[in-house]
Protein backbone atom coordinates (compact mmCIF):
# COMPACT_ATOMS: atom_id res chain seq x y z
CA MET A 1 -31.24 -5.46 8.88
CA LYS A 2 -31.20 -4.76 5.16
CA ALA A 3 -29.94 -1.22 5.72
CA GLN A 4 -27.28 -2.52 8.10
CA LEU A 5 -26.01 -4.95 5.50
CA LYS A 6 -25.90 -2.19 2.89
CA ILE A 7 -23.65 -0.08 5.09
CA THR A 8 -21.47 -3.11 5.83
CA ILE A 9 -20.73 -3.98 2.23
CA ILE A 10 -20.61 -0.72 0.34
CA ALA A 11 -16.94 0.11 0.75
CA ALA A 12 -16.50 1.87 -2.58
CA VAL A 13 -18.48 4.03 -4.96
CA ILE A 14 -18.73 1.19 -7.45
CA PHE A 15 -19.54 -2.47 -7.13
CA LEU A 16 -20.65 -5.13 -9.59
CA THR A 17 -24.10 -6.55 -10.12
CA GLY A 18 -25.59 -8.72 -12.82
CA PHE A 19 -26.35 -6.95 -16.05
CA THR A 20 -28.61 -8.14 -18.85
CA ALA A 21 -26.93 -9.76 -21.83
CA CYS A 22 -29.13 -10.36 -24.83
CA LYS A 23 -28.58 -11.81 -28.29
CA LYS A 24 -31.43 -9.86 -29.84
CA GLU A 25 -30.96 -6.25 -30.87
CA LEU A 26 -30.83 -3.89 -27.91
CA LYS A 27 -32.31 -0.41 -27.91
CA LEU A 28 -32.55 2.52 -25.55
CA ASP A 29 -36.05 3.11 -24.19
CA GLU A 30 -37.78 4.07 -20.94
CA HIS A 31 -36.66 0.74 -19.40
CA THR A 32 -33.00 0.93 -20.41
CA VAL A 33 -30.52 3.51 -19.18
CA ALA A 34 -27.47 2.33 -21.18
CA ILE A 35 -26.20 -0.30 -23.61
CA VAL A 36 -22.59 -1.49 -23.39
CA GLY A 37 -21.75 -3.85 -26.22
CA GLU A 38 -24.06 -6.84 -25.73
CA TYR A 39 -25.13 -5.80 -22.23
CA ALA A 40 -28.02 -3.56 -21.19
CA ILE A 41 -28.33 -1.67 -17.91
CA PRO A 42 -32.03 -1.74 -16.90
CA PHE A 43 -33.39 1.53 -15.55
CA GLU A 44 -34.77 -0.18 -12.43
CA GLN A 45 -31.33 -1.54 -11.59
CA TYR A 46 -29.72 1.85 -12.14
CA GLU A 47 -32.35 3.63 -10.03
CA ASN A 48 -31.92 1.16 -7.15
CA ARG A 49 -28.15 1.54 -7.33
CA TYR A 50 -28.37 5.31 -7.30
CA GLN A 51 -30.83 5.39 -4.40
CA GLU A 52 -28.65 2.99 -2.44
CA TYR A 53 -25.61 5.17 -3.07
CA LEU A 54 -27.43 8.27 -1.78
CA ASP A 55 -28.63 6.36 1.30
CA VAL A 56 -25.19 5.29 2.44
CA THR A 57 -23.25 8.45 1.51
CA TYR A 58 -25.90 10.94 2.74
CA GLN A 59 -25.46 13.06 -0.39
CA LYS A 60 -28.19 15.00 -2.13
CA ASP A 61 -29.49 14.05 -5.55
CA ASN A 62 -27.85 15.95 -8.42
CA LEU A 63 -26.96 15.39 -12.08
CA PHE A 64 -23.24 15.03 -11.39
CA LEU A 65 -23.88 12.06 -9.07
CA ARG A 66 -26.42 10.54 -11.47
CA LEU A 67 -23.91 10.56 -14.30
CA GLY A 68 -21.16 9.31 -12.00
CA VAL A 69 -23.11 6.23 -10.90
CA LEU A 70 -24.01 5.45 -14.51
CA ARG A 71 -20.37 5.84 -15.56
CA ASN A 72 -19.34 3.41 -12.81
CA MET A 73 -21.92 0.84 -13.92
CA ILE A 74 -20.63 1.09 -17.49
CA ASN A 75 -17.06 0.69 -16.24
CA GLU A 76 -18.05 -2.45 -14.35
CA ILE A 77 -19.36 -4.08 -17.52
CA LEU A 78 -16.21 -3.15 -19.39
CA LEU A 79 -13.97 -4.63 -16.70
CA LYS A 80 -15.97 -7.77 -16.09
CA HIS A 81 -17.05 -8.69 -19.62
CA TYR A 82 -14.61 -7.01 -22.00
CA ASP A 83 -11.29 -7.57 -20.26
CA ASP A 84 -9.15 -10.58 -19.38
CA ASN A 85 -9.88 -11.64 -15.77
CA ARG A 86 -8.30 -15.10 -15.76
CA ALA A 87 -5.37 -14.07 -13.55
CA ILE A 88 -7.78 -12.87 -10.86
CA LEU A 89 -10.42 -15.60 -11.08
CA ASN A 90 -7.78 -18.36 -11.01
CA SER A 91 -5.92 -16.81 -8.06
CA GLU A 92 -5.94 -19.01 -4.95
CA GLU A 93 -5.81 -15.92 -2.73
CA TYR A 94 -8.86 -14.44 -4.49
CA GLN A 95 -10.79 -17.71 -4.15
CA ASN A 96 -9.90 -17.87 -0.43
CA ASP A 97 -11.07 -14.29 0.04
CA GLN A 98 -14.35 -15.13 -1.72
CA GLU A 99 -14.98 -17.88 0.82
CA TRP A 100 -14.04 -15.52 3.65
CA VAL A 101 -16.48 -12.86 2.39
CA LYS A 102 -19.32 -15.41 2.36
CA LYS A 103 -18.59 -16.39 5.94
CA GLU A 104 -18.27 -12.79 7.10
CA MET A 105 -21.61 -11.87 5.53
CA LEU A 106 -23.40 -14.77 7.23
CA LEU A 107 -21.79 -13.89 10.57
CA ALA A 108 -22.84 -10.25 10.14
CA TYR A 109 -26.45 -11.31 9.59
CA LEU A 110 -26.29 -13.72 12.54
CA LYS A 111 -25.05 -10.91 14.80
CA GLU A 112 -27.73 -8.54 13.57
CA ASP A 113 -30.63 -10.99 13.78
CA ASP A 114 -29.69 -13.03 16.87
CA ILE A 115 -27.90 -10.38 18.95
CA TYR A 116 -28.26 -6.72 17.96
CA SER A 117 -31.99 -6.83 17.17
CA LYS A 118 -32.68 -8.10 20.70
CA ILE A 119 -30.89 -5.23 22.47
CA ARG A 120 -33.29 -3.07 24.48
CA VAL A 121 -32.82 0.33 26.16
CA THR A 122 -35.02 1.40 29.07
CA ASP A 123 -36.13 4.98 29.66
CA GLN A 124 -34.13 4.99 32.89
CA GLU A 125 -30.94 4.01 31.01
CA ALA A 126 -31.56 6.78 28.48
CA ARG A 127 -32.12 9.37 31.23
CA GLU A 128 -28.95 8.32 33.09
CA ALA A 129 -27.00 8.57 29.84
CA PHE A 130 -28.49 12.03 29.23
CA VAL A 131 -27.21 13.20 32.62
CA ARG A 132 -23.75 11.71 31.97
CA LEU A 133 -23.67 13.28 28.53
CA ASN A 134 -24.01 16.64 30.23
CA GLU A 135 -21.29 16.00 32.80
CA LYS A 136 -17.51 16.08 32.32
CA ILE A 137 -15.11 14.16 34.53
CA ALA A 138 -11.38 14.75 34.97
CA ALA A 139 -9.44 11.67 36.02
CA ARG A 140 -6.04 10.04 36.12
CA HIS A 141 -5.33 6.33 35.96
CA LEU A 142 -2.68 3.64 36.22
CA TYR A 143 -2.68 0.83 33.68
CA ALA A 144 -1.73 -2.81 34.22
CA PRO A 145 -1.92 -5.67 31.71
CA THR A 146 -2.81 -8.28 34.39
CA GLU A 147 -4.98 -8.39 37.51
CA GLU A 148 -1.97 -9.41 39.59
CA GLU A 149 -0.01 -6.34 38.51
CA ALA A 150 -3.06 -4.09 39.03
CA ASN A 151 -3.50 -5.38 42.59
CA ARG A 152 0.19 -4.71 43.28
CA LEU A 153 -0.20 -1.10 42.11
CA TYR A 154 -3.36 -0.67 44.19
CA GLU A 155 -1.59 -1.92 47.32
CA LEU A 156 1.28 0.53 46.72
CA LEU A 157 -1.23 3.40 46.40
CA MET A 158 -2.92 2.36 49.65
CA LYS A 159 0.51 2.36 51.34
CA GLY A 160 1.15 5.95 50.25
CA ALA A 161 2.78 5.71 46.81
CA SER A 162 1.82 8.55 44.45
CA PHE A 163 0.24 8.37 41.01
CA ASP A 164 3.21 10.39 39.74
CA SER A 165 5.80 7.85 40.83
CA LEU A 166 3.81 4.81 39.70
CA ALA A 167 2.93 6.39 36.35
CA ARG A 168 6.63 6.72 35.59
CA GLU A 169 6.89 2.98 36.20
CA VAL A 170 3.91 1.68 34.19
CA PHE A 171 3.52 4.01 31.17
CA THR A 172 5.67 4.11 28.05
CA ASP A 173 3.72 7.11 26.70
CA SER A 174 5.83 10.18 27.57
CA THR A 175 2.81 12.38 28.38
CA LEU A 176 1.20 9.92 30.82
CA ARG A 177 4.61 9.15 32.35
CA SER A 178 5.23 12.81 33.11
CA ASN A 179 1.72 13.89 34.21
CA GLY A 180 0.91 11.06 36.62
CA GLY A 181 -1.50 9.29 34.26
CA TYR A 182 -3.74 12.37 33.93
CA LEU A 183 -6.37 11.90 31.18
CA GLY A 184 -7.98 15.32 31.29
CA TYR A 185 -11.75 15.79 30.98
CA PHE A 186 -13.97 13.26 29.25
CA THR A 187 -17.69 12.67 28.92
CA TRP A 188 -20.00 9.73 28.29
CA GLY A 189 -18.97 7.69 25.25
CA ASP A 190 -15.34 8.85 25.20
CA MET A 191 -13.79 6.01 27.21
CA ASP A 192 -14.02 2.24 27.66
CA PRO A 193 -17.57 1.45 28.96
CA ALA A 194 -16.29 -0.34 32.08
CA PHE A 195 -13.92 2.56 32.82
CA GLU A 196 -16.79 5.05 32.44
CA ASP A 197 -19.22 3.06 34.59
CA ALA A 198 -16.71 3.04 37.44
CA ALA A 199 -15.70 6.70 37.01
CA TYR A 200 -19.25 8.07 36.98
CA GLN A 201 -20.03 6.34 40.30
CA MET A 202 -16.98 7.81 42.08
CA LYS A 203 -16.52 10.98 44.11
CA ILE A 204 -13.80 13.62 43.65
CA GLY A 205 -10.56 12.36 45.22
CA GLU A 206 -11.72 8.73 45.33
CA ILE A 207 -9.42 5.96 44.07
CA SER A 208 -10.99 2.84 42.57
CA LYS A 209 -9.94 -0.75 42.98
CA PRO A 210 -8.63 -2.31 39.73
CA VAL A 211 -11.27 -2.04 36.97
CA LYS A 212 -11.27 -4.64 34.16
CA THR A 213 -11.35 -2.94 30.74
CA ALA A 214 -11.02 -4.16 27.16
CA GLN A 215 -7.27 -3.35 27.27
CA GLY A 216 -6.39 -4.71 30.70
CA TYR A 217 -6.88 -3.14 34.14
CA SER A 218 -7.11 0.48 35.31
CA ILE A 219 -6.94 2.11 38.71
CA ILE A 220 -8.86 5.38 38.54
CA LYS A 221 -8.70 8.56 40.58
CA ILE A 222 -11.33 11.27 40.07
CA GLU A 223 -9.87 14.79 40.02
CA ASP A 224 -12.90 16.92 39.12
CA ARG A 225 -16.50 16.86 37.85
CA LYS A 226 -18.38 19.53 35.88
CA ARG A 227 -22.06 19.25 35.05
CA VAL A 228 -24.70 21.40 33.37
CA PRO A 229 -26.68 22.83 36.33
CA ILE A 230 -30.17 22.63 34.78
CA LEU A 231 -31.35 19.86 32.43
CA THR A 232 -34.85 20.15 30.96
CA GLU A 233 -37.34 17.49 29.82
CA THR A 234 -37.54 19.21 26.43
CA GLU A 235 -33.79 18.75 25.90
CA TYR A 236 -34.07 15.10 26.90
CA VAL A 237 -36.95 14.36 24.51
CA LYS A 238 -35.10 16.12 21.69
CA LYS A 239 -31.98 13.96 22.14
CA LYS A 240 -33.62 10.71 23.28
CA GLY A 241 -33.55 8.95 19.89
CA GLN A 242 -29.87 9.73 19.37
CA ILE A 243 -29.03 8.62 22.91
CA ILE A 244 -30.88 5.31 22.52
CA ARG A 245 -29.03 4.57 19.28
CA PHE A 246 -25.72 5.32 21.01
CA ILE A 247 -26.57 3.08 23.99
CA LYS A 248 -27.54 0.23 21.67
CA ILE A 249 -24.16 0.50 19.93
CA SER A 250 -22.35 0.52 23.31
CA LYS A 251 -24.28 -2.62 24.32
CA ARG A 252 -23.22 -4.59 21.27
CA LYS A 253 -19.91 -5.90 22.61
CA PRO A 254 -21.38 -7.08 25.96
CA ALA A 255 -24.32 -8.64 24.07
CA GLU A 256 -21.92 -10.46 21.73
CA LYS A 257 -19.95 -11.73 24.72
CA GLU A 258 -23.11 -12.96 26.45
CA TYR A 259 -24.28 -14.71 23.27
CA LEU A 260 -20.89 -16.38 22.75
CA GLN A 261 -20.89 -17.67 26.33
CA LYS A 262 -24.09 -19.57 25.49
CA VAL A 263 -22.59 -21.02 22.30
CA VAL A 264 -18.94 -21.66 23.25
CA ASP A 265 -17.13 -22.30 26.53
CA LEU A 266 -13.95 -20.26 25.98
CA LYS A 267 -12.38 -21.82 29.09
CA ALA A 268 -12.63 -25.28 27.50
CA PHE A 269 -9.85 -24.60 24.97
CA GLN A 270 -6.66 -26.51 25.84
CA PHE A 271 -3.47 -25.67 23.94
CA ASP A 272 -0.20 -27.56 23.65
CA ASP A 273 2.24 -24.65 23.95
CA GLN A 274 5.07 -26.38 22.09
CA ALA A 275 2.73 -27.38 19.27
CA VAL A 276 1.57 -23.74 19.09
CA GLU A 277 5.20 -22.58 18.81
CA ASP A 278 5.84 -25.14 16.06
CA LEU A 279 2.76 -23.97 14.16
CA LEU A 280 3.87 -20.33 14.46
CA THR A 281 7.30 -21.28 13.10
CA ALA A 282 5.71 -23.09 10.15
CA LEU A 283 3.43 -20.12 9.51
CA LYS A 284 6.20 -17.52 9.62
CA GLY A 285 9.06 -19.66 8.35
CA LYS A 286 11.40 -18.70 11.18
CA GLN A 287 12.15 -19.48 14.82
CA GLU A 288 12.40 -16.90 17.57
CA PHE A 289 14.33 -17.38 20.84
CA ALA A 290 15.58 -20.79 19.70
CA GLN A 291 19.20 -21.89 20.06
CA GLU A 292 19.07 -24.19 17.05
CA ALA A 293 16.53 -25.22 14.40
CA LYS A 294 14.43 -28.31 15.07
CA PRO A 295 12.26 -30.39 12.72
CA ILE A 296 8.65 -29.24 12.87
CA ASP A 297 6.00 -31.90 13.51
CA LEU A 298 2.61 -30.57 12.42
CA SER A 299 0.82 -33.87 13.08
CA LYS A 300 0.71 -33.11 16.82
CA THR A 301 -2.57 -31.89 18.35
CA VAL A 302 -2.38 -28.13 18.86
CA VAL A 303 -5.73 -27.48 20.54
CA ARG A 304 -8.55 -29.46 22.12
CA TYR A 305 -12.10 -28.25 22.69
CA LYS A 306 -14.11 -30.70 24.75
CA THR A 307 -14.19 -33.86 22.59
CA GLU A 308 -12.80 -32.16 19.44
CA LYS A 309 -9.16 -31.66 18.48
CA TRP A 310 -7.14 -30.02 15.69
CA ASN A 311 -3.56 -30.71 14.65
CA GLY A 312 -0.98 -28.33 13.18
CA SER A 313 -1.54 -29.35 9.55
CA GLU A 314 -5.31 -28.74 9.76
CA LEU A 315 -4.87 -25.37 11.42
CA LEU A 316 -2.09 -24.24 9.07
CA LYS A 317 -4.34 -24.97 6.10
CA ALA A 318 -7.21 -23.02 7.68
CA ILE A 319 -5.04 -20.06 8.69
CA LYS A 320 -3.57 -19.76 5.19
CA LYS A 321 -7.12 -19.18 3.94
CA ILE A 322 -7.49 -16.13 6.17
CA PRO A 323 -7.05 -12.83 4.26
CA SER A 324 -3.43 -11.71 4.31
CA TYR A 325 -4.19 -8.45 6.17
CA HIS A 326 -5.40 -10.58 9.13
CA ARG A 327 -2.89 -13.38 8.73
CA ASP A 328 0.15 -11.06 8.71
CA ARG A 329 -0.76 -9.80 12.19
CA ILE A 330 -0.26 -13.24 13.73
CA ASP A 331 3.28 -12.70 15.00
CA SER A 332 3.20 -14.23 18.49
CA SER A 333 1.97 -17.36 20.25
CA GLU A 334 -0.80 -15.44 22.02
CA LYS A 335 -2.07 -13.93 18.77
CA LEU A 336 -1.95 -17.37 17.14
CA LYS A 337 -4.00 -18.86 19.98
CA ALA A 338 -6.54 -16.03 19.60
CA ALA A 339 -6.73 -16.65 15.84
CA ILE A 340 -7.26 -20.38 16.38
CA LYS A 341 -10.01 -19.72 18.92
CA GLY A 342 -11.60 -17.30 16.45
CA LEU A 343 -11.58 -19.87 13.66
CA ILE A 344 -13.20 -22.52 15.85
CA VAL A 345 -15.79 -20.11 17.30
CA ASN A 346 -16.70 -18.85 13.82
CA GLN A 347 -17.05 -22.45 12.66
CA LYS A 348 -19.68 -23.04 15.34
CA LEU A 349 -21.47 -19.74 14.63
CA LEU A 350 -21.60 -20.50 10.90
CA LYS A 351 -23.22 -23.83 11.70
CA ILE A 352 -25.97 -21.96 13.58
CA ALA A 353 -26.43 -19.59 10.62
CA GLU A 354 -26.63 -22.59 8.28
CA GLN A 355 -29.23 -24.31 10.46
CA LYS A 356 -31.35 -21.14 10.46
CA GLY A 357 -31.17 -20.90 6.67
CA TYR A 358 -29.76 -17.36 6.57
CA ALA A 359 -27.88 -18.00 3.32
CA ARG A 360 -31.21 -18.47 1.52
CA LEU A 361 -32.67 -15.10 2.57
CA PRO A 362 -33.02 -12.57 -0.32
CA GLU A 363 -31.40 -9.69 1.61
CA VAL A 364 -28.40 -11.86 2.50
CA LYS A 365 -28.04 -13.04 -1.09
CA HIS A 366 -28.18 -9.43 -2.31
CA ALA A 367 -25.63 -8.23 0.24
CA LEU A 368 -23.37 -11.20 -0.47
CA ALA A 369 -23.45 -10.59 -4.24
CA ASN A 370 -22.46 -6.97 -3.71
CA ALA A 371 -19.70 -7.92 -1.24
CA GLU A 372 -18.25 -10.52 -3.61
CA ASN A 373 -18.30 -8.05 -6.47
CA ASN A 374 -16.63 -5.40 -4.32
CA LEU A 375 -13.92 -7.98 -3.70
CA TYR A 376 -13.52 -8.54 -7.45
CA LEU A 377 -13.17 -4.79 -8.04
CA LYS A 378 -10.55 -4.52 -5.32
CA TYR A 379 -8.49 -7.27 -6.96
CA LYS A 380 -9.06 -5.82 -10.42
CA ARG A 381 -7.82 -2.38 -9.39
CA LYS A 382 -4.77 -3.96 -7.76
CA TYR A 383 -4.05 -6.02 -10.89
CA ILE A 384 -4.33 -3.02 -13.20
CA LEU A 385 -2.03 -0.89 -11.05
CA GLN A 386 0.56 -3.66 -10.65
CA ASN A 387 0.72 -4.26 -14.41
CA ALA A 388 0.64 -0.62 -15.50
CA THR A 389 3.82 0.49 -17.30
CA VAL A 390 5.35 3.82 -16.26
CA PRO A 391 8.28 5.26 -18.29
CA ASP A 392 11.58 5.63 -16.43
CA SER A 393 11.66 9.34 -17.25
CA ILE A 394 8.43 9.92 -15.29
CA LEU A 395 9.63 7.78 -12.38
CA ARG A 396 12.95 9.67 -12.20
CA GLN A 397 11.11 12.98 -12.18
CA TYR A 398 8.87 11.71 -9.35
CA TYR A 399 11.94 10.44 -7.46
CA ARG A 400 13.70 13.83 -7.66
CA LYS A 401 10.57 15.68 -6.59
CA ASN A 402 10.04 13.36 -3.57
CA ILE A 403 13.63 12.53 -2.66
CA TRP A 404 12.81 12.84 1.06
CA LYS A 405 10.67 9.69 0.79
CA PHE A 406 13.46 7.51 -0.53
CA LYS A 407 16.09 7.19 2.16
CA GLU A 408 17.88 4.18 3.58
CA PRO A 409 16.18 3.67 6.96
CA ARG A 410 17.94 4.29 10.25
CA LYS A 411 19.94 1.30 11.47
CA ILE A 412 21.19 0.30 14.86
CA ASN A 413 23.52 -2.35 16.33
CA VAL A 414 22.50 -3.75 19.71
CA ARG A 415 23.94 -6.32 22.11
CA GLU A 416 21.48 -8.40 24.11
CA ILE A 417 21.30 -10.89 26.96
CA LEU A 418 17.99 -12.76 27.22
CA VAL A 419 17.25 -14.77 30.37
CA ALA A 420 14.26 -16.63 31.77
CA ASP A 421 13.64 -14.72 35.03
CA LEU A 422 13.92 -11.23 36.48
CA GLN A 423 16.19 -12.25 39.35
CA THR A 424 18.87 -13.53 36.97
CA ALA A 425 18.53 -10.40 34.82
CA LEU A 426 19.07 -8.13 37.84
CA LYS A 427 22.09 -10.18 38.93
CA ILE A 428 23.67 -9.85 35.46
CA LYS A 429 22.92 -6.12 35.32
CA LYS A 430 24.80 -5.60 38.57
CA GLN A 431 27.82 -7.41 37.09
CA LEU A 432 27.64 -5.22 33.96
CA LEU A 433 27.47 -2.03 36.02
CA ASP A 434 30.47 -3.28 38.01
CA GLY A 435 32.44 -3.52 34.75
CA ALA A 436 31.93 -7.14 33.62
CA ASP A 437 32.33 -7.85 29.89
CA PHE A 438 28.94 -7.82 28.12
CA ALA A 439 30.04 -10.28 25.42
CA GLN A 440 31.28 -12.87 27.91
CA LEU A 441 28.08 -12.70 29.97
CA ALA A 442 25.98 -12.99 26.79
CA ARG A 443 27.85 -16.15 25.76
CA LYS A 444 27.33 -17.60 29.23
CA TYR A 445 23.68 -16.69 29.93
CA SER A 446 21.76 -15.53 26.83
CA LEU A 447 18.95 -17.81 25.60
CA ARG A 448 19.02 -16.76 21.96
CA GLY A 449 21.66 -19.04 20.52
CA TRP A 450 22.89 -17.17 17.46
CA THR A 451 23.39 -13.83 19.23
CA ALA A 452 24.95 -15.53 22.25
CA GLN A 453 27.62 -16.97 19.97
CA ASN A 454 28.32 -13.41 18.77
CA GLY A 455 28.69 -12.09 22.30
CA GLY A 456 25.07 -10.88 22.24
CA GLU A 457 25.61 -8.71 19.17
CA THR A 458 22.68 -8.57 16.70
CA GLY A 459 24.62 -6.66 14.03
CA TYR A 460 23.27 -3.59 12.24
CA ALA A 461 19.57 -3.91 11.46
CA GLU A 462 16.78 -1.51 10.46
CA LEU A 463 15.46 0.33 13.48
CA ASP A 464 11.85 -0.71 12.78
CA ARG A 465 12.85 -4.33 13.32
CA PHE A 466 13.01 -3.61 17.05
CA GLY A 467 9.27 -2.83 17.24
CA LYS A 468 8.13 -1.14 20.45
CA LEU A 469 11.73 -0.86 21.65
CA LYS A 470 12.97 1.12 18.65
CA ASP A 471 12.48 4.60 20.17
CA LYS A 472 14.05 3.56 23.47
CA PHE A 473 17.08 2.09 21.66
CA TRP A 474 17.52 5.07 19.33
CA ASN A 475 17.26 7.63 22.12
CA THR A 476 19.66 5.77 24.43
CA PRO A 477 23.34 6.84 24.28
CA VAL A 478 25.78 4.31 22.81
CA GLY A 479 27.27 2.13 25.53
CA LYS A 480 24.49 2.59 28.12
CA ILE A 481 22.84 -0.51 29.65
CA ILE A 482 19.06 -0.81 29.07
CA GLY A 483 16.76 -3.04 31.13
CA PRO A 484 15.87 -5.51 32.38
CA LEU A 485 12.85 -5.35 30.03
CA LYS A 486 10.21 -8.07 29.90
CA ILE A 487 9.65 -9.38 26.35
CA GLU A 488 6.98 -12.07 26.16
CA ASN A 489 8.34 -14.82 28.45
CA VAL A 490 11.93 -13.61 28.81
CA TYR A 491 13.83 -10.68 30.34
CA GLY A 492 16.31 -8.69 28.28
CA LEU A 493 19.36 -6.56 28.97
CA PHE A 494 20.58 -4.46 26.05
CA ARG A 495 23.42 -2.12 25.08
CA VAL A 496 23.47 0.05 21.98
CA GLU A 497 26.75 -0.47 20.10
CA GLY A 498 26.25 1.95 17.22
CA LYS A 499 23.77 3.94 15.12
CA ILE A 500 23.55 4.89 11.44
CA ASP A 501 21.18 7.73 10.50
CA ALA A 502 18.96 7.65 7.42
CA GLN A 503 20.82 8.05 4.09
CA PRO A 504 19.55 8.89 0.56
CA VAL A 505 19.23 5.88 -1.77
CA SER A 506 19.95 6.00 -5.50
CA PHE A 507 17.10 5.69 -8.02
CA GLU A 508 18.50 2.41 -9.40
CA GLN A 509 18.48 0.81 -5.96
CA ILE A 510 14.96 1.86 -5.09
CA LYS A 511 13.20 1.96 -8.46
CA ASP A 512 10.53 -0.59 -7.45
CA GLN A 513 9.55 1.45 -4.41
CA VAL A 514 9.47 4.65 -6.48
CA GLU A 515 7.15 2.96 -8.97
CA GLU A 516 4.87 1.69 -6.20
CA GLU A 517 4.65 5.14 -4.61
CA TYR A 518 3.98 6.79 -7.97
CA LYS A 519 1.21 4.37 -8.85
CA GLY A 520 -0.37 4.81 -5.42
CA GLU A 521 -0.56 8.58 -5.86
CA ASN A 522 -1.73 8.42 -9.47
CA GLN A 523 -4.08 5.45 -9.39
CA THR A 524 -7.12 7.47 -10.49
CA GLU A 525 -5.34 8.63 -13.66
CA ILE A 526 -4.00 5.11 -14.33
CA MET A 527 -7.48 3.59 -13.97
CA ARG A 528 -9.01 6.28 -16.18
CA ALA A 529 -6.47 5.63 -18.94
CA TYR A 530 -7.03 1.87 -18.70
CA LEU A 531 -10.81 2.21 -18.94
CA GLN A 532 -10.50 4.64 -21.83
CA LYS A 533 -8.72 1.94 -23.85
CA LEU A 534 -11.54 -0.51 -23.13
CA ARG A 535 -14.16 2.07 -24.12
CA LYS A 536 -12.59 2.40 -27.57
CA LYS A 537 -13.20 -1.32 -28.18
CA VAL A 538 -16.89 -1.37 -27.21
CA LYS A 539 -19.91 0.55 -28.47
CA ILE A 540 -21.56 2.45 -25.59
CA GLU A 541 -24.96 4.20 -25.72
CA ARG A 542 -26.45 6.21 -22.85
CA ASN A 543 -30.07 7.33 -22.32
CA LEU A 544 -29.15 10.75 -20.95
CA ASP A 545 -32.71 12.08 -21.18
CA LEU A 546 -33.88 9.34 -18.83
CA VAL A 547 -30.94 9.93 -16.47
CA LYS A 548 -31.71 13.64 -16.27
CA SER A 549 -35.50 13.46 -16.02
CA PHE A 550 -36.42 10.59 -13.69
CA VAL A 551 -37.89 11.51 -10.30
CA LEU A 552 -36.67 9.70 -7.18
CA ASP A 553 -39.15 8.30 -4.70
CA ASN A 554 -38.65 9.78 -1.25
CA LYS A 555 -37.65 6.74 0.80
CA GLU A 556 -37.57 7.17 4.54
């Protein structure tokens, strides 16, 4: 478990740990590897850090790495104790992320101790995996997001429809659309476990019933199988350890699911759909597919779980404490529901971890300290880069050298008609193809109020704003009708009105982006210059003889 936690939290070469500060005079000796101002780096701490670094990076011991780890430890002291950190430590976002890190570390230990450590692999499972590992299967498939749609596709296949024709209907990927859903050859471990389990039990030419996978549903057809003709016991014994480790990893997700089913009844969640929509609007600050703005009432209950309930205000507060890289992905009602379920499930798992006293275990405390300090370093690096000053002359030179990066994005103007059902959409499309006026039909039928008032016209907007539809819109000739396309709970008909290709942007208009790009590419040099200034303010002594001469214990 301890090794697992190490791998989980060491995301960078450097991370902070406690160093010894002492008022009495410090000196370099066999127990001290460096002195930085009033802080000493004990040799034992340095040796443990160095060994840990070798363990997780799989590098061999050498003087360059020894000096590098020491340099990083010195840098940590400079940043933490000889620089102004108030802006970071007082940041609400940083404090929220600290709390999140604590929870994540406890959940990681709970998973390892209560789930992963109990996973077993039988010799029969290992032997079956060995055979599969030495067999390649060629297959094609049809994908469906729902069981209902998958059953429809299966019925069409049974009635004589071809994979080629159905693939053109279900896939947006151009390759799968054109090759009948052909996946080529794969072997054990390449595909979704449920997909593989079904495929390896099928014969050449056989078509499966819909198979539930992590992404949805697949209907599989086996095209070919190739296997190594002779497999020896010696080969099996040689690879058995590696195979068992791989099987254990593949069993983690099913084991987690089984464990969760004992802790939480996922079917017991009851959502108020309108309250979910209101919460999403409050979270994002905008309303989608609404004809006019309405007051948002966050006091309404959003979700119930058995006898418990949570209102919009409570959930909004909790969601705002989620790290931004997770929070920014919540852009639909379904994703918001999943996030809410996740918060509630984690709450119950953390209670189990608390009852078992995991937070008091030394290995968890150690891993948590390292994870929190990694978080500090991440924020510190970001703060230094954001506040670094770069002369305009250097930025202009970078802009001229990389002018291809700094262009006004492609824009497109689209008309739309959004309706509630497919039948209505098909009826309107027929009218459009017969020559009816798009703008008039949009005003009459379209659900999105502000575009309906404009005759369905969205106006010129950046192409990326159209998400998954952007390529289809850009590659469609101006004036051609597109759809009906299903978008969440509505059906859309579209017509491209105009396109504007990417255009160069002047330096003055895009200076902030140029600066951000420059700093991103030159962050190592910026950090080095920043640390060099701190080094000039603090006396630093290194015990290089000790760094060069110590002998590492061989730890298996």
